[in-house]
Each structure stands twice: as structure tokens, then as C-alpha cells.
Amino acid sequence: MACGCDDCETMMQPYLDGVLSDEEVREAREHLSRCPGCDRRYRFEEDLRRFVRVAAEEPMPDELRERLVGLRSAQGGVQPPAV
């Protein structure tokens, strides 16, 4: 099976999760090496995962939490539980 852009899109998350077979990884890497659009998308997804991991590990400053609660309250949203 040749890896095209549609296949690459389908395999992107499993590729990032490290759950593809060796053959699928080879096909995905080959496609990424010759397709700038899919390579940019892959790098974006990889960076996004890294940023989310960092954000999930860093505590939110109290001032920011209060501002977010204020915005949610002003819009009639549900307030998050205190941490």
C-alpha cells in the first residue's frame, strides 16, 4: 500500500502515538519526506502535543484563574472548581 495524503491524514495520530506497524511507519516517513504539506501538518501536531503536555504540567497562576472565572461568570458559564 502506498502512503498518500489521505492515508497520511488517517495515520497521523496513530503515528504520533507510536502504535503503527513497522511497515506503516516506513510508509508514513517516506510520505512525510516527500510531501511538504503533510510534513508541516505532522510538525504542527507534534508541537501541539508538546505544548499541551507542558501546559498540563504547569500550574495556572491565580491571577489568570480569577480572570478566566470572571469571563465565564460574565458569560453565564459554569465556574470551574477551586484548585
PDB file of N, CA and C in Angstrom:
ATOM      1  N   MET A   1       0.850  -1.184   0.000  1.00  0.00           N
ATOM      2  CA  MET A   1       0.000   0.000   0.000  1.00  0.00           C
ATOM      3  C   MET A   1       0.887   1.236   0.000  1.00  0.00           C
ATOM      4  N   ALA A   2       0.706   2.112  -0.934  1.00  0.00           N
ATOM      5  CA  ALA A   2       1.456   3.363  -0.971  1.00  0.00           C
ATOM      6  C   ALA A   2       0.765   4.370  -0.057  1.00  0.00           C
ATOM      7  N   CYS A   3       1.547   5.164   0.620  1.00  0.00           N
ATOM      8  CA  CYS A   3       1.007   6.145   1.547  1.00  0.00           C
ATOM      9  C   CYS A   3       0.821   7.469   0.817  1.00  0.00           C
ATOM     10  N   GLY A   4      -0.424   7.908   0.656  1.00  0.00           N
ATOM     11  CA  GLY A   4      -0.739   9.203   0.054  1.00  0.00           C
ATOM     12  C   GLY A   4      -1.217  10.155   1.134  1.00  0.00           C
ATOM     13  N   CYS A   5      -1.602  11.376   0.732  1.00  0.00           N
ATOM     14  CA  CYS A   5      -2.018  12.384   1.713  1.00  0.00           C
ATOM     15  C   CYS A   5      -3.225  11.932   2.537  1.00  0.00           C
ATOM     16  N   ASP A   6      -4.210  11.281   1.901  1.00  0.00           N
ATOM     17  CA  ASP A   6      -5.375  10.799   2.650  1.00  0.00           C
ATOM     18  C   ASP A   6      -4.963   9.747   3.676  1.00  0.00           C
ATOM     19  N   ASP A   7      -4.086   8.832   3.266  1.00  0.00           N
ATOM     20  CA  ASP A   7      -3.597   7.810   4.185  1.00  0.00           C
ATOM     21  C   ASP A   7      -2.800   8.444   5.313  1.00  0.00           C
ATOM     22  N   CYS A   8      -1.997   9.428   4.963  1.00  0.00           N
ATOM     23  CA  CYS A   8      -1.160  10.097   5.958  1.00  0.00           C
ATOM     24  C   CYS A   8      -2.041  10.787   6.999  1.00  0.00           C
ATOM     25  N   GLU A   9      -3.111  11.434   6.540  1.00  0.00           N
ATOM     26  CA  GLU A   9      -4.040  12.101   7.469  1.00  0.00           C
ATOM     27  C   GLU A   9      -4.665  11.080   8.422  1.00  0.00           C
ATOM     28  N   THR A  10      -5.047   9.935   7.897  1.00  0.00           N
ATOM     29  CA  THR A  10      -5.647   8.879   8.712  1.00  0.00           C
ATOM     30  C   THR A  10      -4.646   8.305   9.707  1.00  0.00           C
ATOM     31  N   MET A  11      -3.387   8.227   9.293  1.00  0.00           N
ATOM     32  CA  MET A  11      -2.357   7.599  10.129  1.00  0.00           C
ATOM     33  C   MET A  11      -1.640   8.582  11.054  1.00  0.00           C
ATOM     34  N   MET A  12      -1.924   9.896  10.924  1.00  0.00           N
ATOM     35  CA  MET A  12      -1.172  10.911  11.664  1.00  0.00           C
ATOM     36  C   MET A  12      -1.208  10.681  13.174  1.00  0.00           C
ATOM     37  N   GLN A  13      -2.375  10.569  13.762  1.00  0.00           N
ATOM     38  CA  GLN A  13      -2.459  10.410  15.215  1.00  0.00           C
ATOM     39  C   GLN A  13      -1.875   9.075  15.679  1.00  0.00           C
ATOM     40  N   PRO A  14      -2.216   7.959  15.016  1.00  0.00           N
ATOM     41  CA  PRO A  14      -1.577   6.695  15.411  1.00  0.00           C
ATOM     42  C   PRO A  14      -0.053   6.744  15.260  1.00  0.00           C
ATOM     43  N   TYR A  15       0.439   7.455  14.235  1.00  0.00           N
ATOM     44  CA  TYR A  15       1.883   7.606  14.041  1.00  0.00           C
ATOM     45  C   TYR A  15       2.480   8.352  15.236  1.00  0.00           C
ATOM     46  N   LEU A  16       1.852   9.449  15.619  1.00  0.00           N
ATOM     47  CA  LEU A  16       2.331  10.220  16.771  1.00  0.00           C
ATOM     48  C   LEU A  16       2.223   9.425  18.067  1.00  0.00           C
ATOM     49  N   ASP A  17       1.227   8.543  18.150  1.00  0.00           N
ATOM     50  CA  ASP A  17       1.047   7.705  19.346  1.00  0.00           C
ATOM     51  C   ASP A  17       2.018   6.532  19.388  1.00  0.00           C
ATOM     52  N   GLY A  18       2.684   6.261  18.255  1.00  0.00           N
ATOM     53  CA  GLY A  18       3.638   5.158  18.195  1.00  0.00           C
ATOM     54  C   GLY A  18       2.983   3.787  18.155  1.00  0.00           C
ATOM     55  N   VAL A  19       1.809   3.706  17.531  1.00  0.00           N
ATOM     56  CA  VAL A  19       1.092   2.426  17.514  1.00  0.00           C
ATOM     57  C   VAL A  19       1.002   1.792  16.119  1.00  0.00           C
ATOM     58  N   LEU A  20       1.688   2.358  15.137  1.00  0.00           N
ATOM     59  CA  LEU A  20       1.662   1.783  13.791  1.00  0.00           C
ATOM     60  C   LEU A  20       2.645   0.620  13.684  1.00  0.00           C
ATOM     61  N   SER A  21       2.390  -0.239  12.716  1.00  0.00           N
ATOM     62  CA  SER A  21       3.328  -1.329  12.425  1.00  0.00           C
ATOM     63  C   SER A  21       4.597  -0.735  11.824  1.00  0.00           C
ATOM     64  N   ASP A  22       5.654  -1.522  11.789  1.00  0.00           N
ATOM     65  CA  ASP A  22       6.914  -1.066  11.193  1.00  0.00           C
ATOM     66  C   ASP A  22       6.714  -0.653   9.740  1.00  0.00           C
ATOM     67  N   GLU A  23       5.924  -1.412   9.005  1.00  0.00           N
ATOM     68  CA  GLU A  23       5.652  -1.103   7.594  1.00  0.00           C
ATOM     69  C   GLU A  23       4.893   0.223   7.469  1.00  0.00           C
ATOM     70  N   GLU A  24       3.895   0.433   8.313  1.00  0.00           N
ATOM     71  CA  GLU A  24       3.131   1.683   8.265  1.00  0.00           C
ATOM     72  C   GLU A  24       4.012   2.884   8.631  1.00  0.00           C
ATOM     73  N   VAL A  25       4.891   2.703   9.603  1.00  0.00           N
ATOM     74  CA  VAL A  25       5.818   3.775   9.983  1.00  0.00           C
ATOM     75  C   VAL A  25       6.725   4.108   8.805  1.00  0.00           C
ATOM     76  N   ARG A  26       7.238   3.100   8.149  1.00  0.00           N
ATOM     77  CA  ARG A  26       8.102   3.317   6.987  1.00  0.00           C
ATOM     78  C   ARG A  26       7.361   4.093   5.903  1.00  0.00           C
ATOM     79  N   GLU A  27       6.126   3.693   5.611  1.00  0.00           N
ATOM     80  CA  GLU A  27       5.326   4.377   4.593  1.00  0.00           C
ATOM     81  C   GLU A  27       5.043   5.824   4.986  1.00  0.00           C
ATOM     82  N   ALA A  28       4.697   6.044   6.247  1.00  0.00           N
ATOM     83  CA  ALA A  28       4.399   7.401   6.712  1.00  0.00           C
ATOM     84  C   ALA A  28       5.643   8.279   6.618  1.00  0.00           C
ATOM     85  N   ARG A  29       6.779   7.769   7.064  1.00  0.00           N
ATOM     86  CA  ARG A  29       8.026   8.548   6.999  1.00  0.00           C
ATOM     87  C   ARG A  29       8.403   8.872   5.563  1.00  0.00           C
ATOM     88  N   GLU A  30       8.221   7.899   4.691  1.00  0.00           N
ATOM     89  CA  GLU A  30       8.528   8.116   3.275  1.00  0.00           C
ATOM     90  C   GLU A  30       7.644   9.231   2.712  1.00  0.00           C
ATOM     91  N   HIS A  31       6.359   9.177   3.030  1.00  0.00           N
ATOM     92  CA  HIS A  31       5.445  10.204   2.539  1.00  0.00           C
ATOM     93  C   HIS A  31       5.814  11.571   3.113  1.00  0.00           C
ATOM     94  N   LEU A  32       6.072  11.637   4.414  1.00  0.00           N
ATOM     95  CA  LEU A  32       6.418  12.918   5.044  1.00  0.00           C
ATOM     96  C   LEU A  32       7.689  13.503   4.434  1.00  0.00           C
ATOM     97  N   SER A  33       8.618  12.649   4.037  1.00  0.00           N
ATOM     98  CA  SER A  33       9.876  13.138   3.478  1.00  0.00           C
ATOM     99  C   SER A  33       9.700  13.769   2.102  1.00  0.00           C
ATOM    100  N   ARG A  34       8.616  13.438   1.416  1.00  0.00           N
ATOM    101  CA  ARG A  34       8.438  13.979   0.069  1.00  0.00           C
ATOM    102  C   ARG A  34       7.201  14.865  -0.078  1.00  0.00           C
ATOM    103  N   CYS A  35       6.470  15.097   1.009  1.00  0.00           N
ATOM    104  CA  CYS A  35       5.255  15.916   0.940  1.00  0.00           C
ATOM    105  C   CYS A  35       5.350  17.055   1.962  1.00  0.00           C
ATOM    106  N   PRO A  36       5.714  18.250   1.519  1.00  0.00           N
ATOM    107  CA  PRO A  36       5.877  19.369   2.454  1.00  0.00           C
ATOM    108  C   PRO A  36       4.604  19.697   3.240  1.00  0.00           C
ATOM    109  N   GLY A  37       3.441  19.577   2.613  1.00  0.00           N
ATOM    110  CA  GLY A  37       2.187  19.887   3.314  1.00  0.00           C
ATOM    111  C   GLY A  37       1.937  18.944   4.480  1.00  0.00           C
ATOM    112  N   CYS A  38       2.078  17.668   4.248  1.00  0.00           N
ATOM    113  CA  CYS A  38       1.873  16.683   5.315  1.00  0.00           C
ATOM    114  C   CYS A  38       2.969  16.787   6.367  1.00  0.00           C
ATOM    115  N   ASP A  39       4.192  17.102   5.953  1.00  0.00           N
ATOM    116  CA  ASP A  39       5.280  17.264   6.912  1.00  0.00           C
ATOM    117  C   ASP A  39       5.008  18.449   7.830  1.00  0.00           C
ATOM    118  N   ARG A  40       4.502  19.565   7.272  1.00  0.00           N
ATOM    119  CA  ARG A  40       4.147  20.726   8.110  1.00  0.00           C
ATOM    120  C   ARG A  40       3.049  20.349   9.095  1.00  0.00           C
ATOM    121  N   ARG A  41       2.049  19.612   8.604  1.00  0.00           N
ATOM    122  CA  ARG A  41       0.944  19.190   9.472  1.00  0.00           C
ATOM    123  C   ARG A  41       1.469  18.307  10.602  1.00  0.00           C
ATOM    124  N   TYR A  42       2.354  17.365  10.260  1.00  0.00           N
ATOM    125  CA  TYR A  42       2.942  16.479  11.263  1.00  0.00           C
ATOM    126  C   TYR A  42       3.700  17.296  12.318  1.00  0.00           C
ATOM    127  N   ARG A  43       4.530  18.220  11.879  1.00  0.00           N
ATOM    128  CA  ARG A  43       5.306  19.035  12.821  1.00  0.00           C
ATOM    129  C   ARG A  43       4.395  19.886  13.706  1.00  0.00           C
ATOM    130  N   PHE A  44       3.293  20.406  13.126  1.00  0.00           N
ATOM    131  CA  PHE A  44       2.320  21.159  13.912  1.00  0.00           C
ATOM    132  C   PHE A  44       1.717  20.272  14.998  1.00  0.00           C
ATOM    133  N   GLU A  45       1.268  19.081  14.618  1.00  0.00           N
ATOM    134  CA  GLU A  45       0.653  18.155  15.580  1.00  0.00           C
ATOM    135  C   GLU A  45       1.653  17.751  16.665  1.00  0.00           C
ATOM    136  N   GLU A  46       2.896  17.527  16.265  1.00  0.00           N
ATOM    137  CA  GLU A  46       3.940  17.162  17.221  1.00  0.00           C
ATOM    138  C   GLU A  46       4.186  18.310  18.207  1.00  0.00           C
ATOM    139  N   ASP A  47       4.281  19.540  17.695  1.00  0.00           N
ATOM    140  CA  ASP A  47       4.470  20.713  18.563  1.00  0.00           C
ATOM    141  C   ASP A  47       3.265  20.918  19.473  1.00  0.00           C
ATOM    142  N   LEU A  48       2.067  20.747  18.924  1.00  0.00           N
ATOM    143  CA  LEU A  48       0.847  20.913  19.716  1.00  0.00           C
ATOM    144  C   LEU A  48       0.826  19.945  20.895  1.00  0.00           C
ATOM    145  N   ARG A  49       1.175  18.698  20.648  1.00  0.00           N
ATOM    146  CA  ARG A  49       1.225  17.716  21.738  1.00  0.00           C
ATOM    147  C   ARG A  49       2.235  18.128  22.803  1.00  0.00           C
ATOM    148  N   ARG A  50       3.383  18.629  22.368  1.00  0.00           N
ATOM    149  CA  ARG A  50       4.411  19.063  23.315  1.00  0.00           C
ATOM    150  C   ARG A  50       3.895  20.237  24.164  1.00  0.00           C
ATOM    151  N   PHE A  51       3.248  21.215  23.518  1.00  0.00           N
ATOM    152  CA  PHE A  51       2.720  22.370  24.245  1.00  0.00           C
ATOM    153  C   PHE A  51       1.635  21.956  25.236  1.00  0.00           C
ATOM    154  N   VAL A  52       0.779  21.036  24.837  1.00  0.00           N
ATOM    155  CA  VAL A  52      -0.296  20.567  25.727  1.00  0.00           C
ATOM    156  C   VAL A  52       0.301  19.853  26.942  1.00  0.00           C
ATOM    157  N   ARG A  53       1.329  19.024  26.716  1.00  0.00           N
ATOM    158  CA  ARG A  53       1.973  18.343  27.845  1.00  0.00           C
ATOM    159  C   ARG A  53       2.555  19.345  28.826  1.00  0.00           C
ATOM    160  N   VAL A  54       3.229  20.363  28.314  1.00  0.00           N
ATOM    161  CA  VAL A  54       3.834  21.377  29.180  1.00  0.00           C
ATOM    162  C   VAL A  54       2.745  22.149  29.917  1.00  0.00           C
ATOM    163  N   ALA A  55       1.693  22.548  29.199  1.00  0.00           N
ATOM    164  CA  ALA A  55       0.612  23.320  29.819  1.00  0.00           C
ATOM    165  C   ALA A  55      -0.095  22.521  30.902  1.00  0.00           C
ATOM    166  N   ALA A  56      -0.222  21.226  30.701  1.00  0.00           N
ATOM    167  CA  ALA A  56      -0.912  20.387  31.681  1.00  0.00           C
ATOM    168  C   ALA A  56      -0.077  20.205  32.940  1.00  0.00           C
ATOM    169  N   GLU A  57       1.231  20.373  32.834  1.00  0.00           N
ATOM    170  CA  GLU A  57       2.115  20.185  33.977  1.00  0.00           C
ATOM    171  C   GLU A  57       2.363  21.472  34.762  1.00  0.00           C
ATOM    172  N   GLU A  58       2.185  22.622  34.125  1.00  0.00           N
ATOM    173  CA  GLU A  58       2.438  23.889  34.791  1.00  0.00           C
ATOM    174  C   GLU A  58       1.182  24.367  35.502  1.00  0.00           C
ATOM    175  N   PRO A  59       1.313  24.778  36.774  1.00  0.00           N
ATOM    176  CA  PRO A  59       0.143  25.293  37.486  1.00  0.00           C
ATOM    177  C   PRO A  59      -0.297  26.628  36.896  1.00  0.00           C
ATOM    178  N   MET A  60      -1.600  26.856  36.910  1.00  0.00           N
ATOM    179  CA  MET A  60      -2.141  28.101  36.401  1.00  0.00           C
ATOM    180  C   MET A  60      -1.995  29.176  37.474  1.00  0.00           C
ATOM    181  N   PRO A  61      -1.445  30.336  37.129  1.00  0.00           N
ATOM    182  CA  PRO A  61      -1.329  31.418  38.106  1.00  0.00           C
ATOM    183  C   PRO A  61      -2.713  31.834  38.615  1.00  0.00           C
ATOM    184  N   ASP A  62      -2.793  32.166  39.892  1.00  0.00           N
ATOM    185  CA  ASP A  62      -4.078  32.557  40.499  1.00  0.00           C
ATOM    186  C   ASP A  62      -4.740  33.710  39.750  1.00  0.00           C
ATOM    187  N   GLU A  63      -3.940  34.685  39.322  1.00  0.00           N
ATOM    188  CA  GLU A  63      -4.491  35.845  38.613  1.00  0.00           C
ATOM    189  C   GLU A  63      -5.179  35.422  37.316  1.00  0.00           C
ATOM    190  N   LEU A  64      -4.561  34.524  36.571  1.00  0.00           N
ATOM    191  CA  LEU A  64      -5.164  34.046  35.337  1.00  0.00           C
ATOM    192  C   LEU A  64      -6.430  33.249  35.632  1.00  0.00           C
ATOM    193  N   ARG A  65      -6.379  32.399  36.649  1.00  0.00           N
ATOM    194  CA  ARG A  65      -7.567  31.615  37.028  1.00  0.00           C
ATOM    195  C   ARG A  65      -8.735  32.540  37.368  1.00  0.00           C
ATOM    196  N   GLU A  66      -8.465  33.595  38.120  1.00  0.00           N
ATOM    197  CA  GLU A  66      -9.520  34.544  38.505  1.00  0.00           C
ATOM    198  C   GLU A  66     -10.085  35.258  37.279  1.00  0.00           C
ATOM    199  N   ARG A  67      -9.221  35.633  36.353  1.00  0.00           N
ATOM    200  CA  ARG A  67      -9.698  36.298  35.134  1.00  0.00           C
ATOM    201  C   ARG A  67     -10.576  35.356  34.319  1.00  0.00           C
ATOM    202  N   LEU A  68     -10.179  34.097  34.203  1.00  0.00           N
ATOM    203  CA  LEU A  68     -10.973  33.124  33.447  1.00  0.00           C
ATOM    204  C   LEU A  68     -12.320  32.870  34.113  1.00  0.00           C
ATOM    205  N   VAL A  69     -12.321  32.768  35.435  1.00  0.00           N
ATOM    206  CA  VAL A  69     -13.575  32.581  36.165  1.00  0.00           C
ATOM    207  C   VAL A  69     -14.475  33.786  35.927  1.00  0.00           C
ATOM    208  N   GLY A  70     -13.887  34.988  35.960  1.00  0.00           N
ATOM    209  CA  GLY A  70     -14.670  36.199  35.714  1.00  0.00           C
ATOM    210  C   GLY A  70     -15.275  36.208  34.321  1.00  0.00           C
ATOM    211  N   LEU A  71     -14.518  35.786  33.340  1.00  0.00           N
ATOM    212  CA  LEU A  71     -15.038  35.728  31.966  1.00  0.00           C
ATOM    213  C   LEU A  71     -16.162  34.717  31.848  1.00  0.00           C
ATOM    214  N   ARG A  72     -15.984  33.573  32.463  1.00  0.00           N
ATOM    215  CA  ARG A  72     -17.028  32.534  32.392  1.00  0.00           C
ATOM    216  C   ARG A  72     -18.282  32.995  33.118  1.00  0.00           C
ATOM    217  N   SER A  73     -18.115  33.665  34.269  1.00  0.00           N
ATOM    218  CA  SER A  73     -19.263  34.146  35.038  1.00  0.00           C
ATOM    219  C   SER A  73     -20.015  35.214  34.254  1.00  0.00           C
ATOM    220  N   ALA A  74     -19.277  36.114  33.605  1.00  0.00           N
ATOM    221  CA  ALA A  74     -19.892  37.183  32.828  1.00  0.00           C
ATOM    222  C   ALA A  74     -20.688  36.635  31.647  1.00  0.00           C
ATOM    223  N   GLN A  75     -20.293  35.467  31.162  1.00  0.00           N
ATOM    224  CA  GLN A  75     -20.980  34.858  30.015  1.00  0.00           C
ATOM    225  C   GLN A  75     -22.030  33.846  30.461  1.00  0.00           C
ATOM    226  N   GLY A  76     -22.235  33.723  31.762  1.00  0.00           N
ATOM    227  CA  GLY A  76     -23.239  32.796  32.268  1.00  0.00           C
ATOM    228  C   GLY A  76     -22.779  31.360  32.277  1.00  0.00           C
ATOM    229  N   GLY A  77     -21.474  31.131  32.206  1.00  0.00           N
ATOM    230  CA  GLY A  77     -20.938  29.774  32.191  1.00  0.00           C
ATOM    231  C   GLY A  77     -20.830  29.197  33.579  1.00  0.00           C
ATOM    232  N   VAL A  78     -20.511  27.953  33.656  1.00  0.00           N
ATOM    233  CA  VAL A  78     -20.321  27.255  34.916  1.00  0.00           C
ATOM    234  C   VAL A  78     -18.918  27.530  35.394  1.00  0.00           C
ATOM    235  N   GLN A  79     -18.778  27.845  36.680  1.00  0.00           N
ATOM    236  CA  GLN A  79     -17.464  28.127  37.236  1.00  0.00           C
ATOM    237  C   GLN A  79     -16.729  26.827  37.502  1.00  0.00           C
ATOM    238  N   PRO A  80     -15.416  26.795  37.213  1.00  0.00           N
ATOM    239  CA  PRO A  80     -14.640  25.590  37.483  1.00  0.00           C
ATOM    240  C   PRO A  80     -14.420  25.445  38.971  1.00  0.00           C
ATOM    241  N   PRO A  81     -14.218  24.228  39.465  1.00  0.00           N
ATOM    242  CA  PRO A  81     -13.961  24.040  40.890  1.00  0.00           C
ATOM    243  C   PRO A  81     -12.634  24.679  41.275  1.00  0.00           C
ATOM    244  N   ALA A  82     -12.551  25.136  42.497  1.00  0.00           N
ATOM    245  CA  ALA A  82     -11.308  25.721  43.004  1.00  0.00           C
ATOM    246  C   ALA A  82     -10.255  24.635  43.120  1.00  0.00           C
ATOM    247  N   VAL A  83      -9.027  24.999  42.812  1.00  0.00           N
ATOM    248  CA  VAL A  83      -7.922  24.043  42.883  1.00  0.00           C
ATOM    249  C   VAL A  83      -7.008  24.410  44.017  1.00  0.00           C
TER     250      VAL A  83
END
